[in-house]
Amino acid sequence: MKKFLFGIFAVIIFVTTLSVSAVGAAAETKVVKAGPYEGVFHGMVYAPDGSQAPMSLDLTHRNNTVEGTIFLGDGLTVDAGLCGAGSIPASMVEASGTTSAVNPQKLSTTSSFEVSGITVNVVLNSLVKGDTVTAEAKIDLPWLCGSDPVITGALHRA
């Protein structure tokens, strides 16, 4: 069970990063305008139990490709119901993702991972409005764990 929890916490950090970064494209000679996810953002992420942690994003956004580094501070805990609860350690993660071709302010992705033979899905949605990124990551746990925790966040451009 502890192995399952540690896997969930590692994936939460990983999935959070999927919402804010993408695989780098080959260098082009033409200048490409930066997208709305471009920049450094600082703010907080929140778990349903009321815990919170500081988060910073350092992003580039070209065409529909977003890539960057995420810095998560201490303080966030996730309650996985009957599967247990635990703290997510402070960490730095590089990740990648793509925005909607129709709406470059919106990034949605689903990721799945396996922990102790159990498949867990994470559905991430984020939106940029002006200088603020809001995000929601729903962790779809197996039914035996209980309700699915949702991690939310709001970060503002520095």
N, C-alpha and C. Protein backbone atom coordinates (compact mmCIF):
# COMPACT_ATOMS: atom_id res chain seq x y z
N MET A 1 0.83 -1.20 0.00
CA MET A 1 0.00 0.00 0.00
C MET A 1 0.87 1.26 0.00
N LYS A 2 1.98 1.26 0.80
CA LYS A 2 2.85 2.42 0.82
C LYS A 2 3.48 2.64 -0.55
N LYS A 3 3.81 1.55 -1.23
CA LYS A 3 4.39 1.65 -2.57
C LYS A 3 3.39 2.34 -3.50
N PHE A 4 2.12 1.98 -3.36
CA PHE A 4 1.05 2.58 -4.16
C PHE A 4 0.99 4.09 -3.91
N LEU A 5 1.03 4.50 -2.64
CA LEU A 5 0.96 5.92 -2.29
C LEU A 5 2.14 6.70 -2.85
N PHE A 6 3.35 6.18 -2.66
CA PHE A 6 4.52 6.89 -3.17
C PHE A 6 4.44 7.03 -4.68
N GLY A 7 3.93 6.01 -5.36
CA GLY A 7 3.76 6.09 -6.81
C GLY A 7 2.77 7.17 -7.19
N ILE A 8 1.67 7.28 -6.45
CA ILE A 8 0.67 8.32 -6.72
C ILE A 8 1.29 9.70 -6.56
N PHE A 9 2.05 9.91 -5.51
CA PHE A 9 2.64 11.21 -5.26
C PHE A 9 3.63 11.58 -6.35
N ALA A 10 4.42 10.62 -6.78
CA ALA A 10 5.38 10.89 -7.85
C ALA A 10 4.65 11.25 -9.13
N VAL A 11 3.54 10.58 -9.40
CA VAL A 11 2.80 10.85 -10.62
C VAL A 11 2.12 12.20 -10.57
N ILE A 12 1.64 12.61 -9.40
CA ILE A 12 1.01 13.93 -9.28
C ILE A 12 2.00 14.99 -9.73
N ILE A 13 3.21 14.89 -9.27
CA ILE A 13 4.23 15.85 -9.67
C ILE A 13 4.46 15.76 -11.17
N PHE A 14 4.55 14.55 -11.70
CA PHE A 14 4.79 14.35 -13.12
C PHE A 14 3.65 14.92 -13.95
N VAL A 15 2.42 14.62 -13.55
CA VAL A 15 1.27 15.09 -14.31
C VAL A 15 1.15 16.59 -14.26
N THR A 16 1.43 17.16 -13.12
CA THR A 16 1.41 18.61 -13.03
C THR A 16 2.35 19.19 -14.07
N THR A 17 3.47 18.56 -14.27
CA THR A 17 4.41 19.07 -15.24
C THR A 17 3.92 18.89 -16.66
N LEU A 18 3.13 17.87 -16.91
CA LEU A 18 2.60 17.68 -18.26
C LEU A 18 1.75 18.87 -18.68
N SER A 19 1.12 19.51 -17.70
CA SER A 19 0.26 20.62 -18.06
C SER A 19 1.04 21.84 -18.46
N VAL A 20 2.33 21.86 -18.21
CA VAL A 20 3.05 23.09 -18.46
C VAL A 20 4.28 22.95 -19.33
N SER A 21 4.49 21.82 -20.01
CA SER A 21 5.68 21.74 -20.83
C SER A 21 5.51 20.79 -21.99
N ALA A 22 6.41 20.92 -23.00
CA ALA A 22 6.27 20.08 -24.18
C ALA A 22 7.59 19.74 -24.81
N VAL A 23 7.59 18.71 -25.66
CA VAL A 23 8.79 18.24 -26.33
C VAL A 23 9.29 19.32 -27.28
N GLY A 24 10.58 19.62 -27.21
CA GLY A 24 11.18 20.67 -28.03
C GLY A 24 11.17 20.31 -29.51
N ALA A 25 10.92 21.29 -30.35
CA ALA A 25 10.94 21.09 -31.79
C ALA A 25 12.30 21.46 -32.33
N ALA A 26 12.57 21.02 -33.55
CA ALA A 26 13.84 21.35 -34.20
C ALA A 26 13.93 22.87 -34.38
N ALA A 27 15.15 23.39 -34.33
CA ALA A 27 15.35 24.83 -34.48
C ALA A 27 14.89 25.30 -35.85
N GLU A 28 14.19 26.41 -35.87
CA GLU A 28 13.71 26.97 -37.12
C GLU A 28 14.38 28.32 -37.33
N THR A 29 14.48 28.72 -38.59
CA THR A 29 15.12 29.99 -38.90
C THR A 29 14.16 31.16 -38.76
N LYS A 30 12.87 30.92 -38.86
CA LYS A 30 11.92 32.02 -38.74
C LYS A 30 11.59 32.29 -37.27
N VAL A 31 11.22 33.52 -36.97
CA VAL A 31 10.86 33.91 -35.61
C VAL A 31 9.41 33.50 -35.36
N VAL A 32 9.19 32.84 -34.24
CA VAL A 32 7.85 32.40 -33.86
C VAL A 32 7.42 33.18 -32.63
N LYS A 33 6.21 33.73 -32.69
CA LYS A 33 5.68 34.51 -31.58
C LYS A 33 5.43 33.61 -30.36
N ALA A 34 5.75 34.12 -29.19
CA ALA A 34 5.53 33.38 -27.95
C ALA A 34 4.04 33.26 -27.67
N GLY A 35 3.63 32.11 -27.11
CA GLY A 35 2.24 31.87 -26.76
C GLY A 35 1.92 32.34 -25.35
N PRO A 36 0.66 32.19 -24.93
CA PRO A 36 0.22 32.71 -23.63
C PRO A 36 0.83 32.01 -22.41
N TYR A 37 1.38 30.81 -22.56
CA TYR A 37 2.01 30.12 -21.42
C TYR A 37 3.46 30.56 -21.23
N GLU A 38 3.95 31.44 -22.08
CA GLU A 38 5.34 31.90 -22.02
C GLU A 38 5.59 32.70 -20.75
N GLY A 39 6.68 32.39 -20.03
CA GLY A 39 7.08 33.21 -18.90
C GLY A 39 7.32 32.42 -17.63
N VAL A 40 7.52 33.18 -16.57
CA VAL A 40 7.72 32.62 -15.24
C VAL A 40 6.46 32.91 -14.43
N PHE A 41 5.92 31.89 -13.79
CA PHE A 41 4.69 32.01 -13.01
C PHE A 41 4.96 31.52 -11.59
N HIS A 42 4.38 32.21 -10.59
CA HIS A 42 4.51 31.81 -9.20
C HIS A 42 3.12 31.76 -8.58
N GLY A 43 2.92 30.80 -7.69
CA GLY A 43 1.63 30.71 -7.01
C GLY A 43 1.59 29.53 -6.07
N MET A 44 0.38 29.06 -5.82
CA MET A 44 0.16 27.97 -4.87
C MET A 44 -0.68 26.89 -5.52
N VAL A 45 -0.47 25.64 -5.07
CA VAL A 45 -1.34 24.53 -5.42
C VAL A 45 -1.98 24.02 -4.14
N TYR A 46 -3.20 23.50 -4.27
CA TYR A 46 -4.01 23.14 -3.11
C TYR A 46 -4.56 21.73 -3.26
N ALA A 47 -4.58 21.00 -2.15
CA ALA A 47 -5.19 19.67 -2.10
C ALA A 47 -6.53 19.78 -1.37
N PRO A 48 -7.41 18.81 -1.58
CA PRO A 48 -8.73 18.87 -0.93
C PRO A 48 -8.69 18.90 0.59
N ASP A 49 -7.59 18.41 1.20
CA ASP A 49 -7.50 18.40 2.66
C ASP A 49 -7.11 19.76 3.23
N GLY A 50 -6.92 20.76 2.35
CA GLY A 50 -6.55 22.09 2.80
C GLY A 50 -5.05 22.35 2.78
N SER A 51 -4.26 21.33 2.51
CA SER A 51 -2.82 21.56 2.43
C SER A 51 -2.49 22.33 1.16
N GLN A 52 -1.36 22.99 1.18
CA GLN A 52 -0.95 23.78 0.03
C GLN A 52 0.56 23.82 -0.05
N ALA A 53 1.06 24.16 -1.24
CA ALA A 53 2.50 24.26 -1.44
C ALA A 53 2.76 25.32 -2.49
N PRO A 54 3.89 26.02 -2.37
CA PRO A 54 4.26 26.99 -3.41
C PRO A 54 4.71 26.26 -4.67
N MET A 55 4.42 26.86 -5.82
CA MET A 55 4.84 26.29 -7.10
C MET A 55 5.29 27.42 -8.01
N SER A 56 6.34 27.16 -8.77
CA SER A 56 6.81 28.09 -9.79
C SER A 56 6.95 27.35 -11.10
N LEU A 57 6.62 28.03 -12.18
CA LEU A 57 6.76 27.48 -13.52
C LEU A 57 7.66 28.40 -14.32
N ASP A 58 8.59 27.84 -15.07
CA ASP A 58 9.44 28.61 -15.98
C ASP A 58 9.20 28.00 -17.35
N LEU A 59 8.41 28.68 -18.19
CA LEU A 59 7.89 28.08 -19.42
C LEU A 59 8.27 28.83 -20.69
N THR A 60 8.33 28.08 -21.78
CA THR A 60 8.37 28.65 -23.12
C THR A 60 7.17 28.08 -23.86
N HIS A 61 6.59 28.87 -24.75
CA HIS A 61 5.41 28.45 -25.51
C HIS A 61 5.57 28.93 -26.94
N ARG A 62 5.84 27.99 -27.85
CA ARG A 62 6.00 28.29 -29.27
C ARG A 62 5.03 27.41 -30.06
N ASN A 63 4.30 28.03 -30.98
CA ASN A 63 3.23 27.33 -31.70
C ASN A 63 2.32 26.70 -30.65
N ASN A 64 2.07 25.40 -30.70
CA ASN A 64 1.25 24.79 -29.64
C ASN A 64 2.10 23.96 -28.68
N THR A 65 3.41 24.20 -28.68
CA THR A 65 4.33 23.46 -27.82
C THR A 65 4.70 24.29 -26.59
N VAL A 66 4.50 23.71 -25.43
CA VAL A 66 4.86 24.35 -24.17
C VAL A 66 5.88 23.44 -23.49
N GLU A 67 6.98 24.03 -23.02
CA GLU A 67 7.97 23.25 -22.29
C GLU A 67 8.55 24.09 -21.17
N GLY A 68 9.04 23.41 -20.15
CA GLY A 68 9.62 24.17 -19.05
C GLY A 68 9.93 23.35 -17.84
N THR A 69 10.18 24.06 -16.76
CA THR A 69 10.55 23.46 -15.49
C THR A 69 9.54 23.87 -14.43
N ILE A 70 9.18 22.90 -13.59
CA ILE A 70 8.25 23.14 -12.50
C ILE A 70 8.98 22.95 -11.19
N PHE A 71 8.79 23.87 -10.29
CA PHE A 71 9.38 23.79 -8.95
C PHE A 71 8.24 23.72 -7.95
N LEU A 72 8.17 22.62 -7.20
CA LEU A 72 7.13 22.43 -6.18
C LEU A 72 7.77 22.48 -4.82
N GLY A 73 7.22 23.32 -3.94
CA GLY A 73 7.74 23.42 -2.58
C GLY A 73 7.08 22.41 -1.65
N ASP A 74 7.47 22.42 -0.39
CA ASP A 74 6.91 21.52 0.63
C ASP A 74 5.53 21.99 1.06
N GLY A 75 4.75 21.03 1.59
CA GLY A 75 3.48 21.37 2.21
C GLY A 75 2.26 20.66 1.66
N LEU A 76 2.33 20.11 0.45
CA LEU A 76 1.17 19.48 -0.18
C LEU A 76 1.04 18.03 0.25
N THR A 77 -0.15 17.65 0.70
CA THR A 77 -0.45 16.24 1.00
C THR A 77 -1.63 15.80 0.16
N VAL A 78 -1.67 14.53 -0.13
CA VAL A 78 -2.78 13.98 -0.91
C VAL A 78 -3.37 12.82 -0.15
N ASP A 79 -4.69 12.85 -0.01
CA ASP A 79 -5.41 11.78 0.67
C ASP A 79 -5.98 10.85 -0.39
N ALA A 80 -5.50 9.61 -0.40
CA ALA A 80 -5.97 8.61 -1.37
C ALA A 80 -7.00 7.70 -0.72
N GLY A 81 -7.77 8.23 0.22
CA GLY A 81 -8.84 7.45 0.86
C GLY A 81 -8.32 6.21 1.56
N LEU A 82 -8.92 5.07 1.27
CA LEU A 82 -8.51 3.82 1.90
C LEU A 82 -7.11 3.39 1.50
N CYS A 83 -6.56 3.99 0.45
CA CYS A 83 -5.21 3.66 0.00
C CYS A 83 -4.15 4.47 0.75
N GLY A 84 -4.58 5.36 1.64
CA GLY A 84 -3.64 6.11 2.48
C GLY A 84 -3.48 7.55 2.06
N ALA A 85 -2.61 8.24 2.77
CA ALA A 85 -2.31 9.65 2.50
C ALA A 85 -0.84 9.88 2.74
N GLY A 86 -0.33 10.94 2.14
CA GLY A 86 1.08 11.24 2.35
C GLY A 86 1.45 12.59 1.77
N SER A 87 2.64 13.05 2.14
CA SER A 87 3.16 14.33 1.67
C SER A 87 3.87 14.17 0.35
N ILE A 88 3.74 15.18 -0.48
CA ILE A 88 4.49 15.23 -1.74
C ILE A 88 5.74 16.05 -1.46
N PRO A 89 6.90 15.48 -1.67
CA PRO A 89 8.13 16.21 -1.34
C PRO A 89 8.40 17.36 -2.31
N ALA A 90 9.15 18.34 -1.84
CA ALA A 90 9.59 19.43 -2.72
C ALA A 90 10.38 18.82 -3.86
N SER A 91 10.18 19.34 -5.07
CA SER A 91 10.86 18.76 -6.22
C SER A 91 10.93 19.73 -7.38
N MET A 92 11.77 19.38 -8.35
CA MET A 92 11.89 20.11 -9.60
C MET A 92 11.71 19.09 -10.71
N VAL A 93 10.84 19.40 -11.68
CA VAL A 93 10.55 18.47 -12.75
C VAL A 93 10.54 19.19 -14.09
N GLU A 94 11.11 18.55 -15.10
CA GLU A 94 11.02 19.03 -16.49
C GLU A 94 9.93 18.22 -17.15
N ALA A 95 9.08 18.87 -17.95
CA ALA A 95 8.00 18.14 -18.61
C ALA A 95 7.58 18.85 -19.87
N SER A 96 6.59 18.24 -20.57
CA SER A 96 6.16 18.83 -21.83
C SER A 96 4.69 18.56 -22.11
N GLY A 97 4.11 19.37 -22.99
CA GLY A 97 2.73 19.21 -23.38
C GLY A 97 2.39 20.12 -24.55
N THR A 98 1.17 20.03 -25.02
CA THR A 98 0.73 20.87 -26.13
C THR A 98 -0.59 21.53 -25.79
N THR A 99 -0.78 22.71 -26.35
CA THR A 99 -2.03 23.43 -26.15
C THR A 99 -2.98 23.09 -27.29
N SER A 100 -4.21 23.46 -27.13
CA SER A 100 -5.22 23.28 -28.16
C SER A 100 -4.88 24.14 -29.37
N ALA A 101 -4.96 23.57 -30.56
CA ALA A 101 -4.70 24.33 -31.78
C ALA A 101 -5.75 25.43 -31.97
N VAL A 102 -6.96 25.18 -31.50
CA VAL A 102 -8.05 26.14 -31.63
C VAL A 102 -7.98 27.23 -30.55
N ASN A 103 -7.58 26.83 -29.34
CA ASN A 103 -7.52 27.76 -28.22
C ASN A 103 -6.18 27.60 -27.50
N PRO A 104 -5.15 28.39 -27.86
CA PRO A 104 -3.84 28.22 -27.27
C PRO A 104 -3.78 28.58 -25.78
N GLN A 105 -4.85 29.13 -25.22
CA GLN A 105 -4.88 29.42 -23.79
C GLN A 105 -5.23 28.18 -22.98
N LYS A 106 -5.67 27.09 -23.65
CA LYS A 106 -6.14 25.90 -22.95
C LYS A 106 -5.21 24.72 -23.21
N LEU A 107 -4.88 24.03 -22.14
CA LEU A 107 -4.08 22.82 -22.23
C LEU A 107 -4.80 21.72 -21.47
N SER A 108 -5.08 20.61 -22.13
CA SER A 108 -5.72 19.46 -21.50
C SER A 108 -4.93 18.22 -21.85
N THR A 109 -4.76 17.36 -20.88
CA THR A 109 -4.05 16.11 -21.13
C THR A 109 -4.50 15.06 -20.14
N THR A 110 -4.41 13.82 -20.56
CA THR A 110 -4.69 12.68 -19.68
C THR A 110 -3.46 11.81 -19.69
N SER A 111 -3.08 11.39 -18.53
CA SER A 111 -1.92 10.53 -18.39
C SER A 111 -2.30 9.35 -17.53
N SER A 112 -1.76 8.20 -17.83
CA SER A 112 -2.00 7.04 -16.97
C SER A 112 -0.66 6.45 -16.58
N PHE A 113 -0.65 5.83 -15.43
CA PHE A 113 0.55 5.19 -14.93
C PHE A 113 0.14 3.99 -14.11
N GLU A 114 1.07 3.12 -13.89
CA GLU A 114 0.80 1.92 -13.11
C GLU A 114 1.57 1.97 -11.80
N VAL A 115 0.86 1.70 -10.72
CA VAL A 115 1.47 1.63 -9.40
C VAL A 115 1.05 0.32 -8.77
N SER A 116 2.01 -0.52 -8.46
CA SER A 116 1.74 -1.82 -7.84
C SER A 116 0.70 -2.61 -8.63
N GLY A 117 0.78 -2.55 -9.95
CA GLY A 117 -0.12 -3.30 -10.81
C GLY A 117 -1.48 -2.66 -11.01
N ILE A 118 -1.69 -1.47 -10.48
CA ILE A 118 -2.98 -0.78 -10.60
C ILE A 118 -2.81 0.43 -11.51
N THR A 119 -3.70 0.57 -12.51
CA THR A 119 -3.64 1.71 -13.42
C THR A 119 -4.37 2.90 -12.79
N VAL A 120 -3.69 4.04 -12.77
CA VAL A 120 -4.26 5.28 -12.24
C VAL A 120 -4.19 6.32 -13.36
N ASN A 121 -5.30 6.99 -13.61
CA ASN A 121 -5.36 8.05 -14.62
C ASN A 121 -5.38 9.40 -13.95
N VAL A 122 -4.73 10.38 -14.59
CA VAL A 122 -4.76 11.75 -14.12
C VAL A 122 -5.22 12.62 -15.28
N VAL A 123 -6.27 13.39 -15.06
CA VAL A 123 -6.80 14.28 -16.07
C VAL A 123 -6.44 15.70 -15.66
N LEU A 124 -5.68 16.38 -16.51
CA LEU A 124 -5.21 17.71 -16.19
C LEU A 124 -5.81 18.72 -17.17
N ASN A 125 -6.33 19.80 -16.65
CA ASN A 125 -6.83 20.91 -17.45
C ASN A 125 -6.23 22.20 -16.91
N SER A 126 -5.70 23.04 -17.81
CA SER A 126 -5.20 24.33 -17.38
C SER A 126 -5.63 25.39 -18.38
N LEU A 127 -5.66 26.63 -17.91
CA LEU A 127 -6.12 27.75 -18.72
C LEU A 127 -5.31 28.99 -18.35
N VAL A 128 -4.90 29.74 -19.37
CA VAL A 128 -4.23 31.01 -19.16
C VAL A 128 -5.22 32.13 -19.48
N LYS A 129 -5.39 33.04 -18.54
CA LYS A 129 -6.19 34.25 -18.76
C LYS A 129 -5.33 35.41 -18.31
N GLY A 130 -4.90 36.20 -19.28
CA GLY A 130 -4.02 37.32 -18.96
C GLY A 130 -2.70 36.82 -18.40
N ASP A 131 -2.41 37.19 -17.16
CA ASP A 131 -1.16 36.80 -16.52
C ASP A 131 -1.35 35.69 -15.49
N THR A 132 -2.47 34.96 -15.55
CA THR A 132 -2.76 33.92 -14.57
C THR A 132 -2.99 32.57 -15.24
N VAL A 133 -2.33 31.55 -14.69
CA VAL A 133 -2.57 30.16 -15.11
C VAL A 133 -3.34 29.49 -13.99
N THR A 134 -4.49 28.90 -14.33
CA THR A 134 -5.23 28.08 -13.37
C THR A 134 -5.17 26.64 -13.87
N ALA A 135 -5.08 25.70 -12.94
CA ALA A 135 -4.97 24.29 -13.32
C ALA A 135 -5.71 23.42 -12.34
N GLU A 136 -6.18 22.28 -12.86
CA GLU A 136 -6.87 21.29 -12.05
C GLU A 136 -6.41 19.91 -12.50
N ALA A 137 -5.92 19.11 -11.58
CA ALA A 137 -5.49 17.74 -11.88
C ALA A 137 -6.35 16.79 -11.06
N LYS A 138 -7.19 16.01 -11.75
CA LYS A 138 -8.04 15.03 -11.08
C LYS A 138 -7.33 13.67 -11.14
N ILE A 139 -7.11 13.09 -9.98
CA ILE A 139 -6.44 11.80 -9.88
C ILE A 139 -7.53 10.74 -9.79
N ASP A 140 -7.67 9.96 -10.85
CA ASP A 140 -8.71 8.94 -10.94
C ASP A 140 -8.20 7.65 -10.30
N LEU A 141 -8.48 7.51 -9.00
CA LEU A 141 -8.01 6.36 -8.24
C LEU A 141 -8.93 5.16 -8.43
N PRO A 142 -8.44 3.97 -8.17
CA PRO A 142 -9.31 2.79 -8.20
C PRO A 142 -10.47 2.97 -7.21
N TRP A 143 -11.62 2.39 -7.51
CA TRP A 143 -12.81 2.59 -6.70
C TRP A 143 -12.58 2.19 -5.25
N LEU A 144 -11.72 1.23 -4.99
CA LEU A 144 -11.53 0.78 -3.62
C LEU A 144 -10.85 1.83 -2.74
N CYS A 145 -10.20 2.83 -3.33
CA CYS A 145 -9.54 3.87 -2.54
C CYS A 145 -10.53 4.88 -2.00
N GLY A 146 -11.62 5.11 -2.72
CA GLY A 146 -12.60 6.12 -2.32
C GLY A 146 -12.68 7.21 -3.36
N SER A 147 -12.98 8.43 -2.93
CA SER A 147 -13.16 9.53 -3.87
C SER A 147 -11.83 9.94 -4.50
N ASP A 148 -11.92 10.54 -5.68
CA ASP A 148 -10.76 10.97 -6.44
C ASP A 148 -10.32 12.37 -6.00
N PRO A 149 -9.07 12.51 -5.51
CA PRO A 149 -8.61 13.84 -5.13
C PRO A 149 -8.38 14.74 -6.34
N VAL A 150 -8.60 16.03 -6.16
CA VAL A 150 -8.37 17.01 -7.21
C VAL A 150 -7.41 18.06 -6.66
N ILE A 151 -6.28 18.22 -7.34
CA ILE A 151 -5.29 19.22 -6.97
C ILE A 151 -5.56 20.44 -7.83
N THR A 152 -5.65 21.63 -7.25
CA THR A 152 -5.90 22.85 -8.00
C THR A 152 -4.77 23.84 -7.77
N GLY A 153 -4.67 24.79 -8.66
CA GLY A 153 -3.63 25.80 -8.49
C GLY A 153 -3.92 27.06 -9.27
N ALA A 154 -3.35 28.15 -8.80
CA ALA A 154 -3.41 29.43 -9.50
C ALA A 154 -2.02 30.05 -9.40
N LEU A 155 -1.46 30.38 -10.55
CA LEU A 155 -0.11 30.95 -10.61
C LEU A 155 -0.16 32.21 -11.45
N HIS A 156 0.65 33.20 -11.05
CA HIS A 156 0.62 34.50 -11.70
C HIS A 156 1.98 34.80 -12.32
N ARG A 157 1.95 35.44 -13.50
CA ARG A 157 3.17 35.76 -14.21
C ARG A 157 4.01 36.75 -13.38
N ALA A 158 5.31 36.44 -13.29
CA ALA A 158 6.22 37.29 -12.52
C ALA A 158 6.53 38.56 -13.31
